[in-house]
N, C-alpha and C. Protein backbone atom coordinates (compact mmCIF):
# COMPACT_ATOMS: atom_id res chain seq x y z
N MET A 1 5.69 -17.02 -34.41
CA MET A 1 6.28 -18.24 -34.86
C MET A 1 6.96 -17.99 -36.19
N ILE A 2 8.11 -18.62 -36.34
CA ILE A 2 8.89 -18.42 -37.56
C ILE A 2 9.30 -19.78 -38.11
N ASP A 3 9.22 -19.89 -39.43
CA ASP A 3 9.64 -21.12 -40.10
C ASP A 3 9.97 -20.78 -41.54
N SER A 4 10.63 -21.72 -42.21
CA SER A 4 10.91 -21.55 -43.64
C SER A 4 10.37 -22.75 -44.39
N GLN A 5 10.13 -22.53 -45.67
CA GLN A 5 9.59 -23.58 -46.53
C GLN A 5 10.40 -23.56 -47.82
N ALA A 6 10.97 -24.70 -48.18
CA ALA A 6 11.71 -24.80 -49.44
C ALA A 6 10.71 -25.14 -50.55
N VAL A 7 10.85 -24.44 -51.68
CA VAL A 7 9.94 -24.59 -52.81
C VAL A 7 10.76 -24.81 -54.08
N LYS A 8 10.35 -25.75 -54.89
CA LYS A 8 11.07 -26.05 -56.13
C LYS A 8 10.89 -24.95 -57.16
N ASN A 9 11.95 -24.74 -57.95
CA ASN A 9 11.89 -23.79 -59.06
C ASN A 9 11.32 -24.46 -60.30
N THR A 10 10.78 -23.66 -61.21
CA THR A 10 10.42 -24.13 -62.54
C THR A 10 11.48 -23.63 -63.50
N CYS A 11 11.33 -23.96 -64.77
CA CYS A 11 12.31 -23.50 -65.76
C CYS A 11 12.25 -21.99 -65.96
N ASN A 12 11.17 -21.33 -65.54
CA ASN A 12 11.03 -19.87 -65.69
C ASN A 12 11.87 -19.09 -64.69
N ALA A 13 12.26 -19.70 -63.59
CA ALA A 13 12.98 -18.98 -62.54
C ALA A 13 14.38 -18.59 -63.01
N SER A 14 14.85 -17.45 -62.51
CA SER A 14 16.16 -16.96 -62.93
C SER A 14 17.28 -17.60 -62.13
N VAL A 15 18.50 -17.39 -62.59
CA VAL A 15 19.68 -17.89 -61.88
C VAL A 15 19.78 -17.24 -60.50
N GLU A 16 19.33 -15.97 -60.40
CA GLU A 16 19.36 -15.24 -59.12
C GLU A 16 18.59 -15.98 -58.03
N SER A 17 17.51 -16.64 -58.42
CA SER A 17 16.66 -17.27 -57.41
C SER A 17 16.91 -18.77 -57.26
N LYS A 18 17.94 -19.28 -57.90
CA LYS A 18 18.20 -20.72 -57.82
C LYS A 18 19.22 -21.02 -56.73
N GLY A 19 18.88 -21.99 -55.91
CA GLY A 19 19.78 -22.48 -54.87
C GLY A 19 19.34 -23.88 -54.49
N PHE A 20 20.22 -24.62 -53.84
CA PHE A 20 19.88 -26.00 -53.47
C PHE A 20 19.88 -26.13 -51.96
N CYS A 21 18.76 -26.58 -51.41
CA CYS A 21 18.62 -26.84 -49.98
C CYS A 21 18.97 -28.30 -49.73
N PHE A 22 20.10 -28.55 -49.08
CA PHE A 22 20.52 -29.93 -48.83
C PHE A 22 19.61 -30.62 -47.83
N TYR A 23 19.08 -29.87 -46.86
CA TYR A 23 18.24 -30.46 -45.83
C TYR A 23 16.96 -31.05 -46.42
N LYS A 24 16.37 -30.32 -47.38
CA LYS A 24 15.12 -30.79 -47.99
C LYS A 24 15.32 -31.33 -49.39
N ALA A 25 16.58 -31.34 -49.88
CA ALA A 25 16.91 -31.82 -51.22
C ALA A 25 16.04 -31.14 -52.28
N THR A 26 15.99 -29.81 -52.22
CA THR A 26 15.14 -29.03 -53.11
C THR A 26 15.97 -27.98 -53.84
N ASN A 27 15.81 -27.92 -55.14
CA ASN A 27 16.46 -26.89 -55.95
C ASN A 27 15.44 -25.78 -56.18
N GLY A 28 15.62 -24.64 -55.51
CA GLY A 28 14.64 -23.56 -55.65
C GLY A 28 14.88 -22.42 -54.69
N ILE A 29 13.79 -22.00 -54.03
CA ILE A 29 13.85 -20.87 -53.10
C ILE A 29 13.35 -21.32 -51.73
N LYS A 30 13.60 -20.47 -50.73
CA LYS A 30 13.02 -20.66 -49.40
C LYS A 30 12.13 -19.46 -49.10
N ARG A 31 10.96 -19.77 -48.57
CA ARG A 31 10.05 -18.72 -48.10
C ARG A 31 10.14 -18.71 -46.59
N HIS A 32 10.52 -17.57 -46.04
CA HIS A 32 10.61 -17.40 -44.59
C HIS A 32 9.36 -16.66 -44.13
N LEU A 33 8.67 -17.21 -43.15
CA LEU A 33 7.44 -16.62 -42.63
C LEU A 33 7.54 -16.36 -41.15
N ALA A 34 7.06 -15.21 -40.73
CA ALA A 34 6.86 -14.91 -39.31
C ALA A 34 5.37 -14.64 -39.17
N VAL A 35 4.69 -15.48 -38.38
CA VAL A 35 3.24 -15.36 -38.25
C VAL A 35 2.84 -15.15 -36.79
N ASP A 36 1.61 -14.63 -36.61
CA ASP A 36 1.06 -14.48 -35.26
C ASP A 36 0.38 -15.77 -34.83
N ILE A 37 -0.29 -15.76 -33.68
CA ILE A 37 -0.88 -16.99 -33.15
C ILE A 37 -2.07 -17.47 -33.97
N LEU A 38 -2.59 -16.63 -34.87
CA LEU A 38 -3.68 -17.06 -35.75
C LEU A 38 -3.16 -17.59 -37.08
N GLY A 39 -1.87 -17.41 -37.32
CA GLY A 39 -1.28 -17.87 -38.57
C GLY A 39 -1.19 -16.81 -39.64
N PHE A 40 -1.53 -15.56 -39.30
CA PHE A 40 -1.44 -14.48 -40.28
C PHE A 40 -0.05 -13.85 -40.20
N PRO A 41 0.48 -13.39 -41.34
CA PRO A 41 1.89 -12.98 -41.39
C PRO A 41 2.19 -11.63 -40.75
N PHE A 42 3.34 -11.60 -40.07
CA PHE A 42 3.96 -10.34 -39.67
C PHE A 42 4.92 -9.94 -40.79
N PHE A 43 5.81 -10.87 -41.13
CA PHE A 43 6.84 -10.61 -42.13
C PHE A 43 6.96 -11.82 -43.06
N THR A 44 7.34 -11.54 -44.31
CA THR A 44 7.67 -12.59 -45.26
C THR A 44 8.98 -12.21 -45.93
N HIS A 45 9.71 -13.23 -46.38
CA HIS A 45 10.98 -12.98 -47.05
C HIS A 45 11.32 -14.20 -47.88
N CYS A 46 11.83 -13.98 -49.10
CA CYS A 46 12.23 -15.09 -49.96
C CYS A 46 13.73 -15.01 -50.23
N THR A 47 14.39 -16.16 -50.16
CA THR A 47 15.82 -16.26 -50.42
C THR A 47 16.07 -17.47 -51.31
N LYS A 48 17.31 -17.60 -51.78
CA LYS A 48 17.71 -18.82 -52.46
C LYS A 48 17.59 -19.97 -51.46
N ALA A 49 17.34 -21.16 -51.94
CA ALA A 49 17.20 -22.31 -51.05
C ALA A 49 18.52 -22.66 -50.36
N SER A 50 19.63 -22.22 -50.92
CA SER A 50 20.94 -22.53 -50.32
C SER A 50 21.24 -21.69 -49.08
N ILE A 51 20.46 -20.65 -48.83
CA ILE A 51 20.64 -19.81 -47.64
C ILE A 51 20.11 -20.57 -46.43
N SER A 52 20.87 -20.56 -45.34
CA SER A 52 20.45 -21.28 -44.14
C SER A 52 19.22 -20.61 -43.52
N ASP A 53 18.50 -21.37 -42.69
CA ASP A 53 17.33 -20.82 -42.00
C ASP A 53 17.74 -19.64 -41.12
N ASP A 54 18.87 -19.77 -40.43
CA ASP A 54 19.35 -18.70 -39.56
C ASP A 54 19.60 -17.42 -40.35
N LEU A 55 20.32 -17.52 -41.45
CA LEU A 55 20.64 -16.34 -42.25
C LEU A 55 19.39 -15.73 -42.87
N GLY A 56 18.46 -16.56 -43.31
CA GLY A 56 17.20 -16.05 -43.85
C GLY A 56 16.40 -15.30 -42.81
N LEU A 57 16.37 -15.82 -41.58
CA LEU A 57 15.67 -15.15 -40.48
C LEU A 57 16.35 -13.82 -40.14
N ILE A 58 17.66 -13.82 -40.11
CA ILE A 58 18.40 -12.58 -39.82
C ILE A 58 18.10 -11.53 -40.89
N GLU A 59 18.09 -11.94 -42.16
CA GLU A 59 17.76 -11.01 -43.25
C GLU A 59 16.34 -10.47 -43.09
N MET A 60 15.39 -11.37 -42.81
CA MET A 60 13.99 -10.96 -42.68
C MET A 60 13.81 -9.96 -41.54
N LEU A 61 14.41 -10.24 -40.38
CA LEU A 61 14.26 -9.34 -39.24
C LEU A 61 15.02 -8.04 -39.45
N SER A 62 16.16 -8.07 -40.12
CA SER A 62 16.91 -6.83 -40.34
C SER A 62 16.19 -5.93 -41.35
N ILE A 63 15.52 -6.51 -42.32
CA ILE A 63 14.72 -5.71 -43.26
C ILE A 63 13.58 -5.01 -42.53
N ASN A 64 13.04 -5.67 -41.52
CA ASN A 64 11.90 -5.14 -40.75
C ASN A 64 12.32 -4.63 -39.37
N ILE A 65 13.54 -4.20 -39.22
CA ILE A 65 14.08 -3.79 -37.92
C ILE A 65 13.34 -2.58 -37.35
N ASP A 66 12.77 -1.74 -38.19
CA ASP A 66 12.05 -0.56 -37.70
C ASP A 66 10.86 -0.95 -36.83
N TYR A 67 10.26 -2.11 -37.11
CA TYR A 67 9.16 -2.60 -36.27
C TYR A 67 9.63 -2.77 -34.83
N PHE A 68 10.81 -3.33 -34.66
CA PHE A 68 11.35 -3.57 -33.31
C PHE A 68 11.88 -2.30 -32.68
N LYS A 69 12.42 -1.40 -33.48
CA LYS A 69 12.90 -0.12 -32.95
C LYS A 69 11.75 0.71 -32.40
N SER A 70 10.58 0.61 -33.04
CA SER A 70 9.45 1.43 -32.60
C SER A 70 8.71 0.83 -31.40
N LYS A 71 8.99 -0.41 -31.05
CA LYS A 71 8.33 -1.06 -29.92
C LYS A 71 8.88 -0.50 -28.61
N PRO A 72 8.02 0.04 -27.74
CA PRO A 72 8.49 0.57 -26.45
C PRO A 72 9.08 -0.54 -25.57
N ILE A 73 10.13 -0.22 -24.83
CA ILE A 73 10.80 -1.19 -23.97
C ILE A 73 9.91 -1.60 -22.80
N GLU A 74 8.97 -0.73 -22.40
CA GLU A 74 8.10 -1.03 -21.26
C GLU A 74 7.16 -2.21 -21.53
N LEU A 75 6.85 -2.45 -22.79
CA LEU A 75 5.95 -3.56 -23.13
C LEU A 75 6.68 -4.90 -22.94
N PRO A 76 5.94 -5.96 -22.68
CA PRO A 76 6.58 -7.28 -22.53
C PRO A 76 7.32 -7.68 -23.81
N LYS A 77 8.33 -8.52 -23.65
CA LYS A 77 9.09 -8.99 -24.80
C LYS A 77 8.22 -9.82 -25.73
N ILE A 78 8.53 -9.72 -26.99
CA ILE A 78 7.87 -10.56 -27.99
C ILE A 78 8.58 -11.91 -27.98
N THR A 79 7.83 -12.98 -27.78
CA THR A 79 8.42 -14.32 -27.81
C THR A 79 8.30 -14.88 -29.22
N ILE A 80 9.43 -15.23 -29.79
CA ILE A 80 9.47 -15.80 -31.13
C ILE A 80 9.74 -17.29 -31.01
N LEU A 81 8.75 -18.09 -31.40
CA LEU A 81 8.86 -19.54 -31.34
C LEU A 81 9.56 -20.04 -32.60
N ILE A 82 10.65 -20.78 -32.42
CA ILE A 82 11.41 -21.31 -33.55
C ILE A 82 11.58 -22.81 -33.38
N ASP A 83 11.83 -23.50 -34.47
CA ASP A 83 12.06 -24.94 -34.36
C ASP A 83 13.55 -25.22 -34.17
N HIS A 84 13.90 -26.48 -34.14
CA HIS A 84 15.27 -26.86 -33.82
C HIS A 84 16.24 -26.71 -35.00
N GLY A 85 15.76 -26.19 -36.13
CA GLY A 85 16.63 -25.88 -37.26
C GLY A 85 17.33 -24.54 -37.09
N TYR A 86 16.91 -23.77 -36.10
CA TYR A 86 17.50 -22.46 -35.83
C TYR A 86 18.43 -22.55 -34.62
N HIS A 87 19.36 -21.61 -34.53
CA HIS A 87 20.33 -21.56 -33.43
C HIS A 87 20.20 -20.22 -32.73
N PRO A 88 19.48 -20.17 -31.58
CA PRO A 88 19.20 -18.90 -30.91
C PRO A 88 20.44 -18.07 -30.57
N GLU A 89 21.54 -18.72 -30.19
CA GLU A 89 22.77 -17.97 -29.83
C GLU A 89 23.30 -17.22 -31.05
N LYS A 90 23.35 -17.90 -32.18
CA LYS A 90 23.83 -17.29 -33.43
C LYS A 90 22.92 -16.15 -33.86
N LEU A 91 21.61 -16.35 -33.74
CA LEU A 91 20.64 -15.32 -34.09
C LEU A 91 20.79 -14.09 -33.21
N THR A 92 20.93 -14.33 -31.91
CA THR A 92 21.07 -13.23 -30.95
C THR A 92 22.30 -12.39 -31.27
N GLN A 93 23.43 -13.03 -31.50
CA GLN A 93 24.67 -12.29 -31.80
C GLN A 93 24.52 -11.45 -33.07
N ALA A 94 23.98 -12.05 -34.12
CA ALA A 94 23.85 -11.32 -35.39
C ALA A 94 22.87 -10.16 -35.28
N LEU A 95 21.74 -10.37 -34.59
CA LEU A 95 20.74 -9.30 -34.47
C LEU A 95 21.23 -8.17 -33.57
N GLU A 96 22.02 -8.49 -32.54
CA GLU A 96 22.56 -7.44 -31.67
C GLU A 96 23.57 -6.57 -32.40
N GLN A 97 24.22 -7.09 -33.43
CA GLN A 97 25.14 -6.28 -34.24
C GLN A 97 24.34 -5.29 -35.09
N ILE A 98 23.15 -5.69 -35.51
CA ILE A 98 22.31 -4.82 -36.33
C ILE A 98 21.61 -3.77 -35.46
N TYR A 99 21.06 -4.21 -34.33
CA TYR A 99 20.33 -3.33 -33.40
C TYR A 99 20.62 -3.81 -31.98
N PRO A 100 21.54 -3.15 -31.27
CA PRO A 100 21.99 -3.63 -29.95
C PRO A 100 20.89 -3.84 -28.91
N GLN A 101 19.79 -3.09 -28.94
CA GLN A 101 18.74 -3.21 -27.93
C GLN A 101 17.68 -4.25 -28.28
N ILE A 102 17.84 -4.97 -29.37
CA ILE A 102 16.76 -5.86 -29.83
C ILE A 102 16.43 -6.95 -28.83
N MET A 103 17.41 -7.47 -28.10
CA MET A 103 17.13 -8.57 -27.18
C MET A 103 16.42 -8.09 -25.91
N SER A 104 16.30 -6.77 -25.73
CA SER A 104 15.47 -6.26 -24.64
C SER A 104 13.99 -6.19 -25.08
N LYS A 105 13.74 -6.45 -26.39
CA LYS A 105 12.39 -6.38 -26.92
C LYS A 105 11.86 -7.72 -27.41
N ILE A 106 12.77 -8.67 -27.71
CA ILE A 106 12.34 -10.00 -28.18
C ILE A 106 13.08 -11.08 -27.43
N GLN A 107 12.55 -12.28 -27.50
CA GLN A 107 13.24 -13.46 -26.97
C GLN A 107 12.89 -14.65 -27.85
N PHE A 108 13.86 -15.54 -28.03
CA PHE A 108 13.64 -16.74 -28.82
C PHE A 108 13.30 -17.89 -27.91
N GLU A 109 12.39 -18.72 -28.35
CA GLU A 109 12.02 -19.91 -27.59
C GLU A 109 11.95 -21.09 -28.56
N LEU A 110 12.70 -22.14 -28.25
CA LEU A 110 12.64 -23.34 -29.09
C LEU A 110 11.34 -24.08 -28.83
N SER A 111 10.68 -24.51 -29.89
CA SER A 111 9.42 -25.25 -29.72
C SER A 111 9.71 -26.62 -29.12
N ALA A 112 8.74 -27.13 -28.43
CA ALA A 112 8.88 -28.44 -27.79
C ALA A 112 9.06 -29.51 -28.85
N LYS A 113 9.91 -30.45 -28.55
CA LYS A 113 10.13 -31.57 -29.46
C LYS A 113 10.00 -32.84 -28.63
N PRO A 114 8.98 -33.65 -28.90
CA PRO A 114 8.79 -34.84 -28.07
C PRO A 114 9.95 -35.82 -28.19
N SER A 115 10.42 -36.31 -27.05
CA SER A 115 11.52 -37.28 -27.06
C SER A 115 10.99 -38.65 -27.43
N ILE A 116 11.89 -39.56 -27.70
CA ILE A 116 11.50 -40.94 -28.04
C ILE A 116 10.75 -41.57 -26.89
N ALA A 117 11.20 -41.31 -25.65
CA ALA A 117 10.53 -41.88 -24.47
C ALA A 117 9.10 -41.34 -24.34
N GLU A 118 8.91 -40.03 -24.61
CA GLU A 118 7.57 -39.45 -24.54
C GLU A 118 6.66 -40.03 -25.61
N LYS A 119 7.22 -40.25 -26.79
CA LYS A 119 6.43 -40.85 -27.87
C LYS A 119 5.99 -42.27 -27.48
N GLU A 120 6.93 -43.05 -26.94
CA GLU A 120 6.62 -44.43 -26.55
C GLU A 120 5.59 -44.46 -25.42
N ALA A 121 5.69 -43.51 -24.48
CA ALA A 121 4.74 -43.45 -23.37
C ALA A 121 3.32 -43.18 -23.87
N ASN A 122 3.21 -42.41 -24.95
CA ASN A 122 1.90 -42.11 -25.52
C ASN A 122 1.49 -43.11 -26.60
N GLY A 123 2.34 -44.11 -26.83
CA GLY A 123 2.01 -45.12 -27.83
C GLY A 123 2.14 -44.64 -29.26
N LYS A 124 3.04 -43.69 -29.51
CA LYS A 124 3.22 -43.14 -30.85
C LYS A 124 4.65 -43.36 -31.30
N SER A 125 4.86 -43.30 -32.60
CA SER A 125 6.21 -43.39 -33.14
C SER A 125 6.29 -42.52 -34.39
N GLY A 126 7.52 -42.27 -34.84
CA GLY A 126 7.71 -41.45 -36.04
C GLY A 126 7.40 -39.99 -35.79
N PHE A 127 6.79 -39.35 -36.77
CA PHE A 127 6.46 -37.93 -36.67
C PHE A 127 5.26 -37.73 -35.75
N VAL A 128 5.44 -36.86 -34.76
CA VAL A 128 4.36 -36.51 -33.84
C VAL A 128 4.17 -35.00 -33.90
N PRO A 129 2.97 -34.52 -34.25
CA PRO A 129 2.77 -33.07 -34.36
C PRO A 129 2.86 -32.37 -33.00
N VAL A 130 3.41 -31.17 -33.04
CA VAL A 130 3.50 -30.32 -31.86
C VAL A 130 2.45 -29.22 -32.02
N ALA A 131 1.59 -29.08 -31.03
CA ALA A 131 0.43 -28.19 -31.14
C ALA A 131 0.81 -26.76 -31.55
N ALA A 132 1.77 -26.15 -30.90
CA ALA A 132 2.12 -24.76 -31.19
C ALA A 132 2.71 -24.61 -32.58
N ARG A 133 3.43 -25.59 -33.06
CA ARG A 133 4.07 -25.52 -34.38
C ARG A 133 3.06 -25.63 -35.52
N TRP A 134 1.88 -26.19 -35.24
CA TRP A 134 0.92 -26.38 -36.31
C TRP A 134 0.37 -25.07 -36.84
N VAL A 135 0.50 -23.99 -36.09
CA VAL A 135 0.03 -22.69 -36.58
C VAL A 135 0.84 -22.29 -37.80
N ILE A 136 2.15 -22.38 -37.72
CA ILE A 136 3.01 -22.00 -38.86
C ILE A 136 2.90 -23.02 -39.99
N GLU A 137 2.77 -24.28 -39.65
CA GLU A 137 2.61 -25.30 -40.69
C GLU A 137 1.29 -25.12 -41.44
N ARG A 138 0.26 -24.71 -40.74
CA ARG A 138 -1.03 -24.44 -41.37
C ARG A 138 -0.91 -23.24 -42.32
N SER A 139 -0.15 -22.23 -41.92
CA SER A 139 0.07 -21.06 -42.78
C SER A 139 0.78 -21.47 -44.07
N ASN A 140 1.78 -22.35 -43.94
CA ASN A 140 2.46 -22.86 -45.13
C ASN A 140 1.49 -23.63 -46.02
N ALA A 141 0.57 -24.36 -45.42
CA ALA A 141 -0.43 -25.11 -46.19
C ALA A 141 -1.38 -24.15 -46.91
N TRP A 142 -1.74 -23.04 -46.27
CA TRP A 142 -2.58 -22.04 -46.92
C TRP A 142 -1.89 -21.51 -48.18
N VAL A 143 -0.59 -21.27 -48.07
CA VAL A 143 0.17 -20.77 -49.21
C VAL A 143 0.15 -21.79 -50.35
N GLU A 144 0.25 -23.05 -50.01
CA GLU A 144 0.24 -24.11 -51.02
C GLU A 144 -1.08 -24.16 -51.79
N ARG A 145 -2.15 -23.63 -51.24
CA ARG A 145 -3.44 -23.60 -51.93
C ARG A 145 -3.46 -22.60 -53.07
N CYS A 146 -2.57 -21.61 -53.03
CA CYS A 146 -2.48 -20.64 -54.13
C CYS A 146 -1.74 -21.31 -55.28
N LYS A 147 -2.42 -21.46 -56.39
CA LYS A 147 -1.88 -22.22 -57.51
C LYS A 147 -0.53 -21.68 -57.99
N SER A 148 -0.36 -20.38 -57.98
CA SER A 148 0.88 -19.78 -58.48
C SER A 148 2.04 -19.88 -57.48
N LEU A 149 1.77 -20.43 -56.28
CA LEU A 149 2.83 -20.55 -55.27
C LEU A 149 3.22 -22.00 -54.98
N VAL A 150 2.62 -22.95 -55.71
CA VAL A 150 2.97 -24.35 -55.50
C VAL A 150 4.44 -24.58 -55.81
N LYS A 151 4.91 -23.92 -56.86
CA LYS A 151 6.33 -23.91 -57.21
C LYS A 151 6.73 -22.45 -57.43
N ASN A 152 8.03 -22.21 -57.58
CA ASN A 152 8.50 -20.86 -57.85
C ASN A 152 8.54 -20.64 -59.36
N PHE A 153 7.63 -19.82 -59.86
CA PHE A 153 7.57 -19.50 -61.28
C PHE A 153 8.23 -18.15 -61.56
N ASP A 154 8.69 -17.45 -60.53
CA ASP A 154 9.08 -16.05 -60.66
C ASP A 154 10.54 -15.86 -61.03
N TRP A 155 10.76 -14.77 -61.76
CA TRP A 155 12.09 -14.44 -62.24
C TRP A 155 12.95 -13.86 -61.11
N THR A 156 12.35 -13.14 -60.17
CA THR A 156 13.12 -12.53 -59.09
C THR A 156 12.56 -12.94 -57.73
N LEU A 157 13.42 -12.82 -56.72
CA LEU A 157 12.99 -13.12 -55.35
C LEU A 157 12.00 -12.08 -54.84
N ALA A 158 12.16 -10.83 -55.27
CA ALA A 158 11.23 -9.77 -54.85
C ALA A 158 9.82 -10.06 -55.37
N ARG A 159 9.73 -10.55 -56.59
CA ARG A 159 8.41 -10.88 -57.15
C ARG A 159 7.80 -12.09 -56.42
N ALA A 160 8.64 -13.06 -56.08
CA ALA A 160 8.15 -14.23 -55.34
C ALA A 160 7.62 -13.79 -53.97
N ASN A 161 8.30 -12.85 -53.33
CA ASN A 161 7.87 -12.34 -52.02
C ASN A 161 6.57 -11.55 -52.17
N ALA A 162 6.45 -10.77 -53.25
CA ALA A 162 5.22 -10.00 -53.48
C ALA A 162 4.03 -10.94 -53.69
N LYS A 163 4.22 -12.02 -54.42
CA LYS A 163 3.15 -12.99 -54.62
C LYS A 163 2.74 -13.66 -53.31
N LEU A 164 3.72 -13.92 -52.47
CA LEU A 164 3.45 -14.51 -51.16
C LEU A 164 2.58 -13.56 -50.33
N LYS A 165 2.93 -12.28 -50.33
CA LYS A 165 2.14 -11.29 -49.60
C LYS A 165 0.73 -11.16 -50.18
N LEU A 166 0.61 -11.18 -51.49
CA LEU A 166 -0.71 -11.11 -52.13
C LEU A 166 -1.57 -12.31 -51.76
N CYS A 167 -0.96 -13.47 -51.65
CA CYS A 167 -1.70 -14.67 -51.26
C CYS A 167 -2.30 -14.48 -49.86
N PHE A 168 -1.51 -13.95 -48.93
CA PHE A 168 -2.01 -13.74 -47.58
C PHE A 168 -3.05 -12.62 -47.52
N ILE A 169 -2.88 -11.59 -48.33
CA ILE A 169 -3.88 -10.52 -48.38
C ILE A 169 -5.21 -11.09 -48.85
N ARG A 170 -5.18 -11.89 -49.91
CA ARG A 170 -6.40 -12.53 -50.42
C ARG A 170 -7.05 -13.40 -49.35
N LEU A 171 -6.23 -14.17 -48.66
CA LEU A 171 -6.74 -15.05 -47.60
C LEU A 171 -7.41 -14.26 -46.48
N MET A 172 -6.77 -13.19 -46.03
CA MET A 172 -7.33 -12.38 -44.95
C MET A 172 -8.61 -11.67 -45.39
N LEU A 173 -8.66 -11.20 -46.65
CA LEU A 173 -9.88 -10.58 -47.14
C LEU A 173 -11.02 -11.58 -47.22
N LYS A 174 -10.74 -12.82 -47.61
CA LYS A 174 -11.78 -13.85 -47.64
C LYS A 174 -12.30 -14.12 -46.23
N ARG A 175 -11.40 -14.12 -45.25
CA ARG A 175 -11.82 -14.37 -43.87
C ARG A 175 -12.69 -13.22 -43.36
N LEU A 176 -12.36 -11.99 -43.74
CA LEU A 176 -13.16 -10.84 -43.31
C LEU A 176 -14.55 -10.85 -43.93
N THR A 177 -14.65 -11.25 -45.18
CA THR A 177 -15.95 -11.20 -45.86
C THR A 177 -16.88 -12.32 -45.41
N THR A 178 -16.32 -13.41 -44.91
CA THR A 178 -17.19 -14.51 -44.47
C THR A 178 -17.64 -14.37 -43.02
N SER A 179 -17.02 -13.46 -42.28
CA SER A 179 -17.42 -13.32 -40.86
C SER A 179 -18.47 -12.27 -40.65
């Protein structure tokens, strides 16, 4: 599952990391996460908030393209669940330019989005959670528990990404020690 999270900057953040996300009306950075079905990260990437979700995902996957190159073709395709903020056709074209065989190893799947009629049939209105999407949303909530990640305090995007990875390392170590 892949998603992005817009985070506000503080006065400490550099000009390099400042951008404005019109969709979320946030001046700051975007954290792009690719997580497994338990919510633990495969890849993380930080960009300016003005970078689109599609472009951020393309950057994140191209940085980690060796992971996909090393995956044998005989294994089943990796299904990447994305929300409706992403455009699978655009992603496919851009990724095939970077690594032509990538679509023989991965596939994009849009997450279910309940229609108005489905909401009314179930007696619900407004925001209705989608079960599969809550894995990535829960991961974003875990990140929000790290005090230094509530906002972007970092001078560079690389440092913001390193802090994000450290947060997940701490979380996974806590889970290992309690089991």
